[in-house]
Amino acid sequence: MFLHFLFILFAFSFDSFKAKPPITSYYWNVRTFQCDHYDHSNLTRCALHLPKRESEVNPLCHEETDQTGNFESNFENVTRVYCRIGCEEGDEATVLAKIPSWNHKCNIYYSYNLERRWEDWFLWRSEPCLSTSVSFTIRCGFPRNPAIFYRDNSHLFEYEDGS
């Protein structure tokens, strides 16, 4: 009985010395980036769907051509289309799912990926992924609550009228 008591006392004492993770808040937000390809016009329209917000069509999408022939693209003159995914102030972004998952034309690192640019994250796609209909479920991570950040810094998101 006494040994049992000593074991419990030792286990309790040892447990109090274990390293504990810091108490911090981290916020996750999931969004869907959906692209529809129209074969008859060779046109693709993409939309960013955020929870509790209106969908944004072709969110700051632009084309870039890789002239370097670097390791990532393997070929010179590869055209990529970059689209903003709305993770401003996020320090992490991950593609959780590709829908349909059997779409063999869209392969991460080769024909699509996420890239940090300016103060946001962008999803880039290149051929053959550009000419398919596909959706991506993307999770963004924030070190602080984005709703509070937007509320406290609303002046950063105001647009000046050209007139």
Protein backbone atom coordinates (compact mmCIF):
# COMPACT_ATOMS: atom_id res chain seq x y z
CA MET A 1 0.00 0.00 0.00
CA PHE A 2 2.81 2.36 0.92
CA LEU A 3 4.60 1.63 -2.39
CA HIS A 4 1.39 2.31 -4.26
CA PHE A 5 1.12 5.70 -2.50
CA LEU A 6 4.75 6.55 -3.37
CA PHE A 7 4.17 5.61 -7.01
CA ILE A 8 1.11 7.90 -7.27
CA LEU A 9 3.00 10.72 -5.52
CA PHE A 10 5.98 10.30 -7.86
CA ALA A 11 3.77 10.13 -10.97
CA PHE A 12 1.88 13.26 -9.92
CA SER A 13 5.12 15.14 -9.18
CA PHE A 14 6.70 14.06 -12.46
CA ASP A 15 3.60 15.08 -14.44
CA SER A 16 3.79 18.64 -13.09
CA PHE A 17 7.31 19.04 -14.56
CA LYS A 18 6.34 18.09 -18.11
CA ALA A 19 6.71 20.81 -20.73
CA LYS A 20 3.31 22.24 -21.55
CA PRO A 21 2.48 24.02 -24.79
CA PRO A 22 2.10 27.77 -24.55
CA ILE A 23 -1.44 29.02 -24.12
CA THR A 24 -2.17 30.91 -27.33
CA SER A 25 -5.07 31.36 -29.66
CA TYR A 26 -4.85 30.31 -33.27
CA TYR A 27 -7.69 30.79 -35.74
CA TRP A 28 -8.58 28.63 -38.73
CA ASN A 29 -10.74 29.61 -41.66
CA VAL A 30 -11.77 27.37 -44.56
CA ARG A 31 -12.68 28.58 -48.04
CA THR A 32 -13.43 27.03 -51.43
CA PHE A 33 -11.80 28.09 -54.68
CA GLN A 34 -13.87 26.79 -57.60
CA CYS A 35 -12.89 26.96 -61.27
CA ASP A 36 -15.23 26.07 -64.13
CA HIS A 37 -13.74 25.48 -67.57
CA TYR A 38 -15.89 26.02 -70.67
CA ASP A 39 -14.57 23.88 -73.52
CA HIS A 40 -16.41 25.70 -76.31
CA SER A 41 -14.71 29.02 -75.54
CA ASN A 42 -11.50 27.79 -73.87
CA LEU A 43 -12.42 30.05 -70.96
CA THR A 44 -12.13 29.38 -67.22
CA ARG A 45 -14.01 31.32 -64.54
CA CYS A 46 -12.97 30.96 -60.93
CA ALA A 47 -14.74 32.05 -57.76
CA LEU A 48 -13.59 32.34 -54.18
CA HIS A 49 -16.27 31.25 -51.70
CA LEU A 50 -15.73 32.41 -48.12
CA PRO A 51 -18.10 31.60 -45.26
CA LYS A 52 -20.58 34.38 -44.47
CA ARG A 53 -19.28 36.54 -47.34
CA GLU A 54 -20.26 37.12 -50.92
CA SER A 55 -18.40 35.09 -53.53
CA GLU A 56 -15.67 36.87 -55.45
CA VAL A 57 -15.20 36.06 -59.15
CA ASN A 58 -11.61 35.85 -60.45
CA PRO A 59 -10.11 37.34 -57.25
CA LEU A 60 -7.12 39.39 -58.41
CA CYS A 61 -6.23 36.71 -60.94
CA HIS A 62 -3.32 37.41 -63.25
CA GLU A 63 -0.99 35.49 -65.55
CA GLU A 64 2.76 35.18 -65.27
CA THR A 65 5.22 33.43 -67.55
CA ASP A 66 8.24 31.72 -66.05
CA GLN A 67 11.28 32.72 -68.10
CA THR A 68 13.89 31.04 -65.89
CA GLY A 69 13.35 27.36 -66.55
CA ASN A 70 13.93 26.76 -62.84
CA PHE A 71 13.49 23.51 -60.95
CA GLU A 72 9.87 24.21 -59.99
CA SER A 73 8.57 24.54 -63.53
CA ASN A 74 11.08 22.27 -65.36
CA PHE A 75 10.38 24.20 -68.59
CA GLU A 76 10.80 27.75 -69.77
CA ASN A 77 7.79 29.83 -70.77
CA VAL A 78 5.32 28.03 -68.49
CA THR A 79 2.28 30.22 -67.94
CA ARG A 80 0.78 30.25 -64.48
CA VAL A 81 -2.44 31.91 -63.40
CA TYR A 82 -2.25 33.29 -59.86
CA CYS A 83 -5.46 34.03 -57.91
CA ARG A 84 -5.76 35.54 -54.44
CA ILE A 85 -7.40 33.29 -51.86
CA GLY A 86 -8.13 35.94 -49.22
CA CYS A 87 -5.85 34.84 -46.38
CA GLU A 88 -4.64 38.35 -45.56
CA GLU A 89 -2.53 38.34 -42.42
CA GLY A 90 -2.54 34.54 -42.44
CA ASP A 91 0.76 32.88 -41.72
CA GLU A 92 -0.21 29.45 -43.05
CA ALA A 93 -2.33 28.05 -45.88
CA THR A 94 -2.97 24.44 -46.86
CA VAL A 95 -4.92 22.74 -49.65
CA LEU A 96 -7.14 20.29 -47.76
CA ALA A 97 -8.92 18.78 -50.75
CA LYS A 98 -9.04 18.81 -54.53
CA ILE A 99 -12.49 18.08 -55.97
CA PRO A 100 -12.79 15.83 -57.88
CA SER A 101 -9.92 14.03 -56.20
CA TRP A 102 -9.40 11.82 -59.26
CA ASN A 103 -8.57 14.84 -61.47
CA HIS A 104 -5.16 13.69 -62.74
CA LYS A 105 -4.50 16.95 -64.63
CA CYS A 106 -4.14 18.91 -61.38
CA ASN A 107 -1.14 17.68 -59.40
CA ILE A 108 0.15 19.67 -56.45
CA TYR A 109 3.63 21.18 -56.97
CA TYR A 110 3.46 20.50 -60.73
CA SER A 111 0.29 22.12 -62.00
CA TYR A 112 -1.02 23.92 -58.88
CA ASN A 113 0.17 25.10 -55.48
CA LEU A 114 -0.12 27.87 -52.90
CA GLU A 115 2.37 30.70 -52.78
CA ARG A 116 2.77 33.60 -50.35
CA ARG A 117 2.87 36.95 -52.13
CA TRP A 118 2.67 40.45 -50.75
CA GLU A 119 0.51 40.11 -47.64
CA ASP A 120 -1.75 37.34 -48.95
CA TRP A 121 -1.70 33.81 -50.31
CA PHE A 122 -2.26 32.96 -53.97
CA LEU A 123 -3.24 29.71 -55.62
CA TRP A 124 -1.42 29.21 -58.92
CA ARG A 125 -2.41 26.82 -61.66
CA SER A 126 -0.67 25.92 -64.90
CA GLU A 127 -1.46 23.59 -67.80
CA PRO A 128 -2.98 21.05 -67.85
CA CYS A 129 -4.82 22.09 -64.66
CA LEU A 130 -5.85 25.40 -66.27
CA SER A 131 -8.10 23.66 -68.76
CA THR A 132 -10.15 21.60 -66.28
CA SER A 133 -13.03 22.25 -63.91
CA VAL A 134 -11.77 21.79 -60.36
CA SER A 135 -12.39 23.03 -56.82
CA PHE A 136 -9.96 23.37 -53.94
CA THR A 137 -10.81 23.44 -50.25
CA ILE A 138 -8.20 25.63 -48.57
CA ARG A 139 -7.56 26.23 -44.87
CA CYS A 140 -5.89 29.43 -43.67
CA GLY A 141 -4.30 29.88 -40.26
CA PHE A 142 -4.17 33.18 -38.41
CA PRO A 143 -2.22 34.09 -35.26
CA ARG A 144 -5.04 36.47 -34.27
CA ASN A 145 -8.77 36.62 -34.88
CA PRO A 146 -9.28 38.01 -38.44
CA ALA A 147 -12.67 39.52 -37.55
CA ILE A 148 -11.07 41.66 -34.86
CA PHE A 149 -8.19 42.57 -37.17
CA TYR A 150 -10.60 43.77 -39.90
CA ARG A 151 -12.72 45.68 -37.38
CA ASP A 152 -9.71 47.45 -35.84
CA ASN A 153 -8.06 48.16 -39.22
CA SER A 154 -11.03 48.88 -41.48
CA HIS A 155 -9.16 51.86 -42.97
CA LEU A 156 -6.74 49.42 -44.62
CA PHE A 157 -9.57 47.90 -46.66
CA GLU A 158 -11.25 51.09 -47.86
CA TYR A 159 -10.96 52.00 -51.52
CA GLU A 160 -10.61 55.57 -52.66
CA ASP A 161 -13.11 56.75 -55.22
CA GLY A 162 -11.48 57.90 -58.46
CA SER A 163 -13.65 61.02 -58.67
